[in-house]
Protein backbone atom coordinates (compact mmCIF):
# COMPACT_ATOMS: atom_id res chain seq x y z
CA GLN A 1 2.32 -5.00 -18.70
CA VAL A 2 0.03 -4.53 -15.74
CA GLN A 3 -0.30 -0.99 -14.44
CA LEU A 4 -1.08 0.00 -10.86
CA VAL A 5 -2.96 3.17 -9.96
CA GLU A 6 -3.15 4.34 -6.36
CA SER A 7 -5.82 6.61 -4.95
CA GLY A 8 -7.13 7.76 -1.60
CA GLY A 9 -4.26 9.87 -0.37
CA GLY A 10 -4.74 13.33 1.05
CA LEU A 11 -4.44 15.56 4.08
CA VAL A 12 -5.72 14.32 7.42
CA GLN A 13 -5.30 15.36 11.03
CA ALA A 14 -3.41 13.19 13.46
CA GLY A 15 -5.66 10.47 14.80
CA GLY A 16 -7.67 10.35 11.61
CA SER A 17 -8.11 7.63 9.01
CA LEU A 18 -7.60 7.14 5.29
CA ARG A 19 -8.09 4.20 2.97
CA LEU A 20 -5.75 3.80 0.05
CA SER A 21 -6.72 1.79 -3.01
CA CYS A 22 -4.52 0.26 -5.67
CA LEU A 23 -6.32 -0.69 -8.87
CA ALA A 24 -4.55 -2.98 -11.30
CA SER A 25 -5.17 -2.86 -15.05
CA GLU A 26 -5.44 -6.65 -15.14
CA SER A 27 -5.83 -9.57 -12.81
CA ILE A 28 -3.69 -9.55 -9.67
CA PHE A 29 -4.39 -13.23 -9.06
CA SER A 30 -1.00 -14.27 -10.41
CA PHE A 31 0.97 -11.92 -8.20
CA SER A 32 2.49 -13.72 -5.24
CA LYS A 33 2.54 -10.57 -3.16
CA MET A 34 0.85 -7.22 -3.27
CA GLY A 35 2.22 -4.56 -1.00
CA TRP A 36 2.29 -0.98 0.10
CA TYR A 37 5.53 0.89 0.53
CA ARG A 38 6.18 4.48 1.56
CA GLN A 39 8.92 7.00 1.10
CA ALA A 40 9.28 10.20 3.08
CA PRO A 41 11.48 13.07 1.85
CA GLY A 42 15.13 12.26 2.34
CA LYS A 43 14.42 8.71 3.43
CA GLN A 44 14.58 5.31 1.80
CA ARG A 45 11.48 3.56 0.58
CA GLU A 46 10.22 1.14 3.21
CA LEU A 47 7.72 -1.67 3.34
CA VAL A 48 4.48 -0.77 5.11
CA ALA A 49 2.53 -3.99 4.57
CA ASP A 50 2.14 -6.81 2.12
CA ILE A 51 -0.31 -9.61 1.49
CA GLY A 52 0.27 -12.94 -0.18
CA SER A 53 -1.98 -14.65 -2.67
CA GLY A 54 -3.32 -16.83 0.14
CA GLY A 55 -4.06 -13.86 2.34
CA THR A 56 -1.04 -13.97 4.62
CA THR A 57 -0.18 -10.47 5.79
CA ASN A 58 2.99 -8.80 6.98
CA TYR A 59 3.33 -5.37 8.60
CA ALA A 60 6.07 -3.00 9.55
CA ASN A 61 6.32 -2.71 13.32
CA SER A 62 5.55 0.99 13.12
CA VAL A 63 2.06 0.37 11.68
CA LYS A 64 1.01 -2.86 13.40
CA GLY A 65 -2.38 -2.49 15.03
CA ARG A 66 -3.15 0.67 13.06
CA PHE A 67 -3.02 -0.32 9.39
CA THR A 68 -4.78 -3.18 7.63
CA ILE A 69 -3.98 -4.48 4.15
CA SER A 70 -6.48 -6.46 2.11
CA ARG A 71 -6.91 -7.61 -1.46
CA ASP A 72 -9.95 -8.21 -3.63
CA ASN A 73 -8.84 -10.37 -6.55
CA ALA A 74 -12.24 -10.06 -8.22
CA LYS A 75 -11.85 -6.28 -8.34
CA ASN A 76 -8.10 -6.34 -9.06
CA THR A 77 -7.68 -4.05 -6.07
CA VAL A 78 -5.53 -3.89 -2.95
CA TYR A 79 -6.46 -1.67 -0.03
CA LEU A 80 -4.63 -0.13 2.88
CA GLN A 81 -6.85 1.00 5.72
CA MET A 82 -4.91 3.44 7.86
CA ASN A 83 -6.24 4.36 11.31
CA SER A 84 -4.82 6.43 14.16
CA LEU A 85 -2.58 8.24 11.73
CA LYS A 86 0.48 10.04 13.05
CA PRO A 87 2.53 12.89 11.57
CA GLU A 88 5.37 10.42 11.02
CA ASP A 89 3.12 8.48 8.62
CA THR A 90 3.42 11.39 6.18
CA SER A 91 4.89 9.94 2.98
CA VAL A 92 4.26 9.06 -0.61
CA TYR A 93 2.66 5.62 -0.57
CA TYR A 94 3.38 3.23 -3.42
CA CYS A 95 1.59 0.08 -4.47
CA ASN A 96 3.73 -2.89 -5.47
CA ALA A 97 2.99 -6.17 -7.21
CA LEU A 98 5.46 -9.04 -7.20
CA ASN A 99 5.38 -12.37 -9.01
CA LEU A 100 7.89 -14.64 -7.32
CA ILE A 101 7.84 -17.11 -10.23
CA THR A 102 8.53 -14.74 -13.11
CA TYR A 103 10.18 -12.09 -10.92
CA LEU A 104 7.94 -9.51 -12.52
CA GLU A 105 7.67 -6.49 -10.23
CA VAL A 106 5.43 -3.51 -10.87
CA TRP A 107 5.13 -0.17 -9.06
CA GLY A 108 2.40 2.41 -9.03
CA GLN A 109 3.04 6.12 -9.34
CA GLY A 110 2.38 6.83 -5.67
CA THR A 111 -0.15 8.80 -3.67
CA LEU A 112 0.73 11.43 -1.08
CA VAL A 113 -0.49 11.11 2.49
CA THR A 114 0.02 14.11 4.76
CA VAL A 115 -0.81 13.91 8.45
CA SER A 116 -0.96 17.21 10.31
CA SER A 117 -0.32 17.50 14.03
């Protein structure tokens, strides 16, 4: 089964930027959607952004205009460029892969993003 490994998290000051990467162990071409979710302590996991196989993107209102999701099928990688970070963006960020035909869904182990004020 495909495995997802996130990287790029860390500590950044408010207003700063980070780029998260999600590397898949095999081709992501077959996955209908690749996405980034986040979960803060004591809160439910929420969708941050996702991208379809054709490149269609979807963003949570709270990150629109600040975050950009992209995918490179040739590199089996999905990215999340995060700009103008706010303390409320502090969370563990998880990569997700979803095949809407087979209903296969895969999660990464998560990467911590901490934004200091």
